[in-house]
PDB file of all heavy atoms in Angstrom:
ATOM      1  N   LYS A   1      28.182 -17.237 -82.788  1.00  0.00           N
ATOM      2  CA  LYS A   1      28.357 -16.867 -84.197  1.00  0.00           C
ATOM      3  C   LYS A   1      28.501 -18.101 -85.060  1.00  0.00           C
ATOM      4  O   LYS A   1      27.908 -18.187 -86.155  1.00  0.00           O
ATOM      5  CB  LYS A   1      29.585 -15.969 -84.331  1.00  0.00           C
ATOM      6  CG  LYS A   1      29.818 -15.479 -85.751  1.00  0.00           C
ATOM      7  CD  LYS A   1      31.041 -14.573 -85.828  1.00  0.00           C
ATOM      8  CE  LYS A   1      31.277 -14.101 -87.252  1.00  0.00           C
ATOM      9  NZ  LYS A   1      32.494 -13.249 -87.358  1.00  0.00           N
ATOM     10  N   ARG A   2      29.285 -19.072 -84.586  1.00  0.00           N
ATOM     11  CA  ARG A   2      29.481 -20.306 -85.361  1.00  0.00           C
ATOM     12  C   ARG A   2      28.165 -21.087 -85.491  1.00  0.00           C
ATOM     13  O   ARG A   2      27.831 -21.574 -86.585  1.00  0.00           O
ATOM     14  CB  ARG A   2      30.546 -21.173 -84.696  1.00  0.00           C
ATOM     15  CG  ARG A   2      30.711 -22.565 -85.292  1.00  0.00           C
ATOM     16  CD  ARG A   2      31.187 -22.512 -86.756  1.00  0.00           C
ATOM     17  NE  ARG A   2      32.516 -21.953 -86.867  1.00  0.00           N
ATOM     18  CZ  ARG A   2      33.652 -22.662 -86.740  1.00  0.00           C
ATOM     19  NH1 ARG A   2      33.589 -23.966 -86.494  1.00  0.00           N
ATOM     20  NH2 ARG A   2      34.820 -22.074 -86.895  1.00  0.00           N
ATOM     21  N   VAL A   3      27.423 -21.201 -84.413  1.00  0.00           N
ATOM     22  CA  VAL A   3      26.141 -21.915 -84.454  1.00  0.00           C
ATOM     23  C   VAL A   3      25.183 -21.222 -85.427  1.00  0.00           C
ATOM     24  O   VAL A   3      24.482 -21.884 -86.221  1.00  0.00           O
ATOM     25  CB  VAL A   3      25.508 -22.007 -83.047  1.00  0.00           C
ATOM     26  CG1 VAL A   3      24.078 -22.558 -83.129  1.00  0.00           C
ATOM     27  CG2 VAL A   3      26.359 -22.893 -82.145  1.00  0.00           C
ATOM     28  N   TYR A   4      25.153 -19.892 -85.384  1.00  0.00           N
ATOM     29  CA  TYR A   4      24.265 -19.160 -86.297  1.00  0.00           C
ATOM     30  C   TYR A   4      24.657 -19.407 -87.749  1.00  0.00           C
ATOM     31  O   TYR A   4      23.784 -19.615 -88.617  1.00  0.00           O
ATOM     32  CB  TYR A   4      24.315 -17.665 -85.984  1.00  0.00           C
ATOM     33  CG  TYR A   4      23.435 -16.831 -86.873  1.00  0.00           C
ATOM     34  CD1 TYR A   4      22.069 -16.733 -86.635  1.00  0.00           C
ATOM     35  CD2 TYR A   4      23.967 -16.170 -87.995  1.00  0.00           C
ATOM     36  CE1 TYR A   4      21.248 -15.983 -87.469  1.00  0.00           C
ATOM     37  CE2 TYR A   4      23.158 -15.424 -88.831  1.00  0.00           C
ATOM     38  CZ  TYR A   4      21.803 -15.332 -88.561  1.00  0.00           C
ATOM     39  OH  TYR A   4      20.985 -14.591 -89.392  1.00  0.00           O
ATOM     40  N   GLU A   5      25.950 -19.384 -88.034  1.00  0.00           N
ATOM     41  CA  GLU A   5      26.413 -19.621 -89.407  1.00  0.00           C
ATOM     42  C   GLU A   5      26.041 -21.023 -89.867  1.00  0.00           C
ATOM     43  O   GLU A   5      25.605 -21.219 -91.015  1.00  0.00           O
ATOM     44  CB  GLU A   5      27.927 -19.428 -89.479  1.00  0.00           C
ATOM     45  CG  GLU A   5      28.366 -17.979 -89.289  1.00  0.00           C
ATOM     46  CD  GLU A   5      29.867 -17.842 -89.156  1.00  0.00           C
ATOM     47  OE1 GLU A   5      30.545 -18.891 -88.992  1.00  0.00           O
ATOM     48  OE2 GLU A   5      30.372 -16.707 -89.201  1.00  0.00           O
ATOM     49  N   GLN A   6      26.203 -21.994 -88.982  1.00  0.00           N
ATOM     50  CA  GLN A   6      25.862 -23.377 -89.341  1.00  0.00           C
ATOM     51  C   GLN A   6      24.367 -23.534 -89.583  1.00  0.00           C
ATOM     52  O   GLN A   6      23.942 -24.173 -90.556  1.00  0.00           O
ATOM     53  CB  GLN A   6      26.326 -24.326 -88.233  1.00  0.00           C
ATOM     54  CG  GLN A   6      27.839 -24.441 -88.110  1.00  0.00           C
ATOM     55  CD  GLN A   6      28.250 -25.299 -86.931  1.00  0.00           C
ATOM     56  OE1 GLN A   6      27.451 -25.582 -86.028  1.00  0.00           O
ATOM     57  NE2 GLN A   6      29.508 -25.735 -86.920  1.00  0.00           N
ATOM     58  N   GLN A   7      23.566 -22.950 -88.697  1.00  0.00           N
ATOM     59  CA  GLN A   7      22.114 -23.094 -88.824  1.00  0.00           C
ATOM     60  C   GLN A   7      21.563 -22.295 -90.002  1.00  0.00           C
ATOM     61  O   GLN A   7      20.507 -22.633 -90.546  1.00  0.00           O
ATOM     62  CB  GLN A   7      21.427 -22.668 -87.526  1.00  0.00           C
ATOM     63  CG  GLN A   7      21.716 -23.598 -86.359  1.00  0.00           C
ATOM     64  CD  GLN A   7      21.277 -25.032 -86.638  1.00  0.00           C
ATOM     65  OE1 GLN A   7      20.174 -25.283 -87.136  1.00  0.00           O
ATOM     66  NE2 GLN A   7      22.151 -25.995 -86.338  1.00  0.00           N
ATOM     67  N   THR A   8      22.271 -21.263 -90.402  1.00  0.00           N
ATOM     68  CA  THR A   8      21.859 -20.525 -91.598  1.00  0.00           C
ATOM     69  C   THR A   8      21.912 -21.426 -92.827  1.00  0.00           C
ATOM     70  O   THR A   8      21.075 -21.315 -93.747  1.00  0.00           O
ATOM     71  CB  THR A   8      22.776 -19.305 -91.823  1.00  0.00           C
ATOM     72  OG1 THR A   8      22.678 -18.440 -90.698  1.00  0.00           O
ATOM     73  CG2 THR A   8      22.374 -18.535 -93.072  1.00  0.00           C
ATOM     74  N   ASP A   9      22.884 -22.333 -92.839  1.00  0.00           N
ATOM     75  CA  ASP A   9      22.999 -23.279 -93.951  1.00  0.00           C
ATOM     76  C   ASP A   9      21.975 -24.403 -93.845  1.00  0.00           C
ATOM     77  O   ASP A   9      21.597 -25.002 -94.861  1.00  0.00           O
ATOM     78  CB  ASP A   9      24.402 -23.893 -93.988  1.00  0.00           C
ATOM     79  CG  ASP A   9      25.468 -22.856 -94.309  1.00  0.00           C
ATOM     80  OD1 ASP A   9      25.130 -21.844 -94.955  1.00  0.00           O
ATOM     81  OD2 ASP A   9      26.629 -23.047 -93.893  1.00  0.00           O
ATOM     82  N   LEU A  10      21.540 -24.701 -92.619  1.00  0.00           N
ATOM     83  CA  LEU A  10      20.640 -25.844 -92.412  1.00  0.00           C
ATOM     84  C   LEU A  10      19.167 -25.453 -92.368  1.00  0.00           C
ATOM     85  O   LEU A  10      18.297 -26.311 -92.579  1.00  0.00           O
ATOM     86  CB  LEU A  10      20.999 -26.558 -91.099  1.00  0.00           C
ATOM     87  CG  LEU A  10      22.405 -27.171 -91.021  1.00  0.00           C
ATOM     88  CD1 LEU A  10      22.664 -27.751 -89.629  1.00  0.00           C
ATOM     89  CD2 LEU A  10      22.577 -28.244 -92.090  1.00  0.00           C
ATOM     90  N   GLN A  11      18.878 -24.182 -92.098  1.00  0.00           N
ATOM     91  CA  GLN A  11      17.485 -23.739 -91.931  1.00  0.00           C
ATOM     92  C   GLN A  11      17.079 -22.816 -93.075  1.00  0.00           C
ATOM     93  O   GLN A  11      17.922 -22.242 -93.780  1.00  0.00           O
ATOM     94  CB  GLN A  11      17.317 -22.995 -90.591  1.00  0.00           C
ATOM     95  CG  GLN A  11      17.791 -23.759 -89.386  1.00  0.00           C
ATOM     96  CD  GLN A  11      16.964 -25.004 -89.108  1.00  0.00           C
ATOM     97  OE1 GLN A  11      15.753 -25.037 -89.345  1.00  0.00           O
ATOM     98  NE2 GLN A  11      17.622 -26.045 -88.595  1.00  0.00           N
ATOM     99  N   SER A  12      15.776 -22.642 -93.206  1.00  0.00           N
ATOM    100  CA  SER A  12      15.277 -21.675 -94.192  1.00  0.00           C
ATOM    101  C   SER A  12      15.483 -20.258 -93.641  1.00  0.00           C
ATOM    102  O   SER A  12      15.562 -20.058 -92.429  1.00  0.00           O
ATOM    103  CB  SER A  12      13.784 -21.922 -94.454  1.00  0.00           C
ATOM    104  OG  SER A  12      13.024 -21.630 -93.288  1.00  0.00           O
ATOM    105  N   PRO A  13      15.559 -19.265 -94.517  1.00  0.00           N
ATOM    106  CA  PRO A  13      15.793 -17.892 -94.051  1.00  0.00           C
ATOM    107  C   PRO A  13      14.731 -17.374 -93.088  1.00  0.00           C
ATOM    108  O   PRO A  13      14.996 -16.467 -92.298  1.00  0.00           O
ATOM    109  CB  PRO A  13      15.794 -17.076 -95.351  1.00  0.00           C
ATOM    110  CG  PRO A  13      16.162 -18.067 -96.410  1.00  0.00           C
ATOM    111  CD  PRO A  13      15.546 -19.362 -95.982  1.00  0.00           C
ATOM    112  N   THR A  14      13.523 -17.942 -93.154  1.00  0.00           N
ATOM    113  CA  THR A  14      12.439 -17.477 -92.278  1.00  0.00           C
ATOM    114  C   THR A  14      12.318 -18.305 -90.995  1.00  0.00           C
ATOM    115  O   THR A  14      11.359 -18.130 -90.239  1.00  0.00           O
ATOM    116  CB  THR A  14      11.094 -17.541 -93.045  1.00  0.00           C
ATOM    117  OG1 THR A  14      10.866 -18.892 -93.481  1.00  0.00           O
ATOM    118  CG2 THR A  14      11.115 -16.602 -94.245  1.00  0.00           C
ATOM    119  N   SER A  15      13.259 -19.169 -90.758  1.00  0.00           N
ATOM    120  CA  SER A  15      13.195 -20.030 -89.570  1.00  0.00           C
ATOM    121  C   SER A  15      13.210 -19.194 -88.295  1.00  0.00           C
ATOM    122  O   SER A  15      14.051 -18.291 -88.135  1.00  0.00           O
ATOM    123  CB  SER A  15      14.389 -20.991 -89.560  1.00  0.00           C
ATOM    124  OG  SER A  15      14.467 -21.675 -88.315  1.00  0.00           O
ATOM    125  N   PRO A  16      12.294 -19.454 -87.349  1.00  0.00           N
ATOM    126  CA  PRO A  16      12.297 -18.726 -86.074  1.00  0.00           C
ATOM    127  C   PRO A  16      13.563 -18.979 -85.255  1.00  0.00           C
ATOM    128  O   PRO A  16      13.926 -18.161 -84.411  1.00  0.00           O
ATOM    129  CB  PRO A  16      11.056 -19.260 -85.347  1.00  0.00           C
ATOM    130  CG  PRO A  16      10.761 -20.573 -85.999  1.00  0.00           C
ATOM    131  CD  PRO A  16      11.198 -20.437 -87.423  1.00  0.00           C
ATOM    132  N   LEU A  17      14.243 -20.090 -85.534  1.00  0.00           N
ATOM    133  CA  LEU A  17      15.471 -20.389 -84.809  1.00  0.00           C
ATOM    134  C   LEU A  17      16.529 -19.317 -85.049  1.00  0.00           C
ATOM    135  O   LEU A  17      17.214 -18.892 -84.112  1.00  0.00           O
ATOM    136  CB  LEU A  17      16.008 -21.758 -85.236  1.00  0.00           C
ATOM    137  CG  LEU A  17      17.382 -22.142 -84.670  1.00  0.00           C
ATOM    138  CD1 LEU A  17      17.353 -22.194 -83.148  1.00  0.00           C
ATOM    139  CD2 LEU A  17      17.852 -23.468 -85.253  1.00  0.00           C
ATOM    140  N   LEU A  18      16.654 -18.881 -86.287  1.00  0.00           N
ATOM    141  CA  LEU A  18      17.658 -17.871 -86.617  1.00  0.00           C
ATOM    142  C   LEU A  18      17.367 -16.551 -85.894  1.00  0.00           C
ATOM    143  O   LEU A  18      18.283 -15.897 -85.374  1.00  0.00           O
ATOM    144  CB  LEU A  18      17.709 -17.652 -88.135  1.00  0.00           C
ATOM    145  CG  LEU A  18      18.072 -18.873 -88.976  1.00  0.00           C
ATOM    146  CD1 LEU A  18      18.071 -18.525 -90.460  1.00  0.00           C
ATOM    147  CD2 LEU A  18      19.425 -19.435 -88.555  1.00  0.00           C
ATOM    148  N   ALA A  19      16.092 -16.183 -85.867  1.00  0.00           N
ATOM    149  CA  ALA A  19      15.718 -14.947 -85.186  1.00  0.00           C
ATOM    150  C   ALA A  19      15.995 -15.033 -83.682  1.00  0.00           C
ATOM    151  O   ALA A  19      16.495 -14.070 -83.064  1.00  0.00           O
ATOM    152  CB  ALA A  19      14.243 -14.644 -85.437  1.00  0.00           C
ATOM    153  N   GLU A  20      15.699 -16.184 -83.092  1.00  0.00           N
ATOM    154  CA  GLU A  20      15.928 -16.349 -81.649  1.00  0.00           C
ATOM    155  C   GLU A  20      17.426 -16.380 -81.323  1.00  0.00           C
ATOM    156  O   GLU A  20      17.858 -15.884 -80.280  1.00  0.00           O
ATOM    157  CB  GLU A  20      15.240 -17.618 -81.148  1.00  0.00           C
ATOM    158  CG  GLU A  20      13.725 -17.512 -81.148  1.00  0.00           C
ATOM    159  CD  GLU A  20      13.048 -18.750 -80.560  1.00  0.00           C
ATOM    160  OE1 GLU A  20      13.679 -19.416 -79.716  1.00  0.00           O
ATOM    161  OE2 GLU A  20      11.902 -19.049 -80.949  1.00  0.00           O
ATOM    162  N   LEU A  21      18.207 -16.969 -82.217  1.00  0.00           N
ATOM    163  CA  LEU A  21      19.655 -16.962 -82.019  1.00  0.00           C
ATOM    164  C   LEU A  21      20.204 -15.535 -82.008  1.00  0.00           C
ATOM    165  O   LEU A  21      21.055 -15.190 -81.182  1.00  0.00           O
ATOM    166  CB  LEU A  21      20.340 -17.775 -83.120  1.00  0.00           C
ATOM    167  CG  LEU A  21      20.342 -19.296 -82.956  1.00  0.00           C
ATOM    168  CD1 LEU A  21      20.816 -19.973 -84.237  1.00  0.00           C
ATOM    169  CD2 LEU A  21      21.220 -19.704 -81.780  1.00  0.00           C
ATOM    170  N   ILE A  22      19.714 -14.720 -82.920  1.00  0.00           N
ATOM    171  CA  ILE A  22      20.155 -13.321 -82.971  1.00  0.00           C
ATOM    172  C   ILE A  22      19.736 -12.579 -81.706  1.00  0.00           C
ATOM    173  O   ILE A  22      20.517 -11.811 -81.123  1.00  0.00           O
ATOM    174  CB  ILE A  22      19.581 -12.623 -84.221  1.00  0.00           C
ATOM    175  CG1 ILE A  22      20.206 -13.211 -85.491  1.00  0.00           C
ATOM    176  CG2 ILE A  22      19.836 -11.121 -84.153  1.00  0.00           C
ATOM    177  CD1 ILE A  22      19.626 -12.649 -86.772  1.00  0.00           C
ATOM    178  N   THR A  23      18.501 -12.818 -81.262  1.00  0.00           N
ATOM    179  CA  THR A  23      18.002 -12.126 -80.069  1.00  0.00           C
ATOM    180  C   THR A  23      18.825 -12.460 -78.831  1.00  0.00           C
ATOM    181  O   THR A  23      19.255 -11.569 -78.082  1.00  0.00           O
ATOM    182  CB  THR A  23      16.526 -12.499 -79.820  1.00  0.00           C
ATOM    183  OG1 THR A  23      15.738 -12.077 -80.930  1.00  0.00           O
ATOM    184  CG2 THR A  23      16.012 -11.827 -78.557  1.00  0.00           C
ATOM    185  N   VAL A  24      19.056 -13.746 -78.607  1.00  0.00           N
ATOM    186  CA  VAL A  24      19.814 -14.163 -77.426  1.00  0.00           C
ATOM    187  C   VAL A  24      21.250 -13.667 -77.510  1.00  0.00           C
ATOM    188  O   VAL A  24      21.825 -13.206 -76.512  1.00  0.00           O
ATOM    189  CB  VAL A  24      19.775 -15.699 -77.275  1.00  0.00           C
ATOM    190  CG1 VAL A  24      20.732 -16.156 -76.185  1.00  0.00           C
ATOM    191  CG2 VAL A  24      18.363 -16.155 -76.945  1.00  0.00           C
ATOM    192  N   SER A  25      21.832 -13.723 -78.690  1.00  0.00           N
ATOM    193  CA  SER A  25      23.210 -13.252 -78.862  1.00  0.00           C
ATOM    194  C   SER A  25      23.319 -11.748 -78.588  1.00  0.00           C
ATOM    195  O   SER A  25      24.242 -11.294 -77.903  1.00  0.00           O
ATOM    196  CB  SER A  25      23.687 -13.562 -80.281  1.00  0.00           C
ATOM    197  OG  SER A  25      24.999 -13.078 -80.471  1.00  0.00           O
ATOM    198  N   THR A  26      22.364 -10.989 -79.104  1.00  0.00           N
ATOM    199  CA  THR A  26      22.391  -9.531 -78.908  1.00  0.00           C
ATOM    200  C   THR A  26      22.189  -9.167 -77.442  1.00  0.00           C
ATOM    201  O   THR A  26      22.903  -8.323 -76.884  1.00  0.00           O
ATOM    202  CB  THR A  26      21.298  -8.862 -79.759  1.00  0.00           C
ATOM    203  OG1 THR A  26      21.516  -9.188 -81.134  1.00  0.00           O
ATOM    204  CG2 THR A  26      21.332  -7.355 -79.583  1.00  0.00           C
ATOM    205  N   ARG A  27      21.222  -9.804 -76.793  1.00  0.00           N
ATOM    206  CA  ARG A  27      20.972  -9.510 -75.376  1.00  0.00           C
ATOM    207  C   ARG A  27      22.166  -9.944 -74.517  1.00  0.00           C
ATOM    208  O   ARG A  27      22.472  -9.306 -73.510  1.00  0.00           O
ATOM    209  CB  ARG A  27      19.705 -10.220 -74.903  1.00  0.00           C
ATOM    210  CG  ARG A  27      18.429  -9.668 -75.470  1.00  0.00           C
ATOM    211  CD  ARG A  27      17.249 -10.089 -74.611  1.00  0.00           C
ATOM    212  NE  ARG A  27      16.001  -9.974 -75.318  1.00  0.00           N
ATOM    213  CZ  ARG A  27      15.294  -8.848 -75.460  1.00  0.00           C
ATOM    214  NH1 ARG A  27      15.774  -7.719 -74.960  1.00  0.00           N
ATOM    215  NH2 ARG A  27      14.137  -8.847 -76.095  1.00  0.00           N
ATOM    216  N   SER A  28      22.815 -11.017 -74.918  1.00  0.00           N
ATOM    217  CA  SER A  28      23.962 -11.494 -74.148  1.00  0.00           C
ATOM    218  C   SER A  28      25.110 -10.489 -74.200  1.00  0.00           C
ATOM    219  O   SER A  28      25.828 -10.295 -73.211  1.00  0.00           O
ATOM    220  CB  SER A  28      24.425 -12.848 -74.688  1.00  0.00           C
ATOM    221  OG  SER A  28      23.419 -13.824 -74.520  1.00  0.00           O
ATOM    222  N   LYS A  29      25.295  -9.847 -75.341  1.00  0.00           N
ATOM    223  CA  LYS A  29      26.325  -8.808 -75.437  1.00  0.00           C
ATOM    224  C   LYS A  29      25.970  -7.609 -74.565  1.00  0.00           C
ATOM    225  O   LYS A  29      26.853  -7.005 -73.937  1.00  0.00           O
ATOM    226  CB  LYS A  29      26.498  -8.382 -76.898  1.00  0.00           C
ATOM    227  CG  LYS A  29      27.123  -9.472 -77.758  1.00  0.00           C
ATOM    228  CD  LYS A  29      27.250  -9.037 -79.214  1.00  0.00           C
ATOM    229  CE  LYS A  29      27.870 -10.153 -80.058  1.00  0.00           C
ATOM    230  NZ  LYS A  29      27.983  -9.777 -81.486  1.00  0.00           N
TER     231      LYS A  29
END
């Protein structure tokens, strides 16, 4: 969650990194 929040500030909203972070986080849960 912290990494996602930080990268949200550093990346554009359409960055594939944000989408992949959400995917891995969701599957991990």
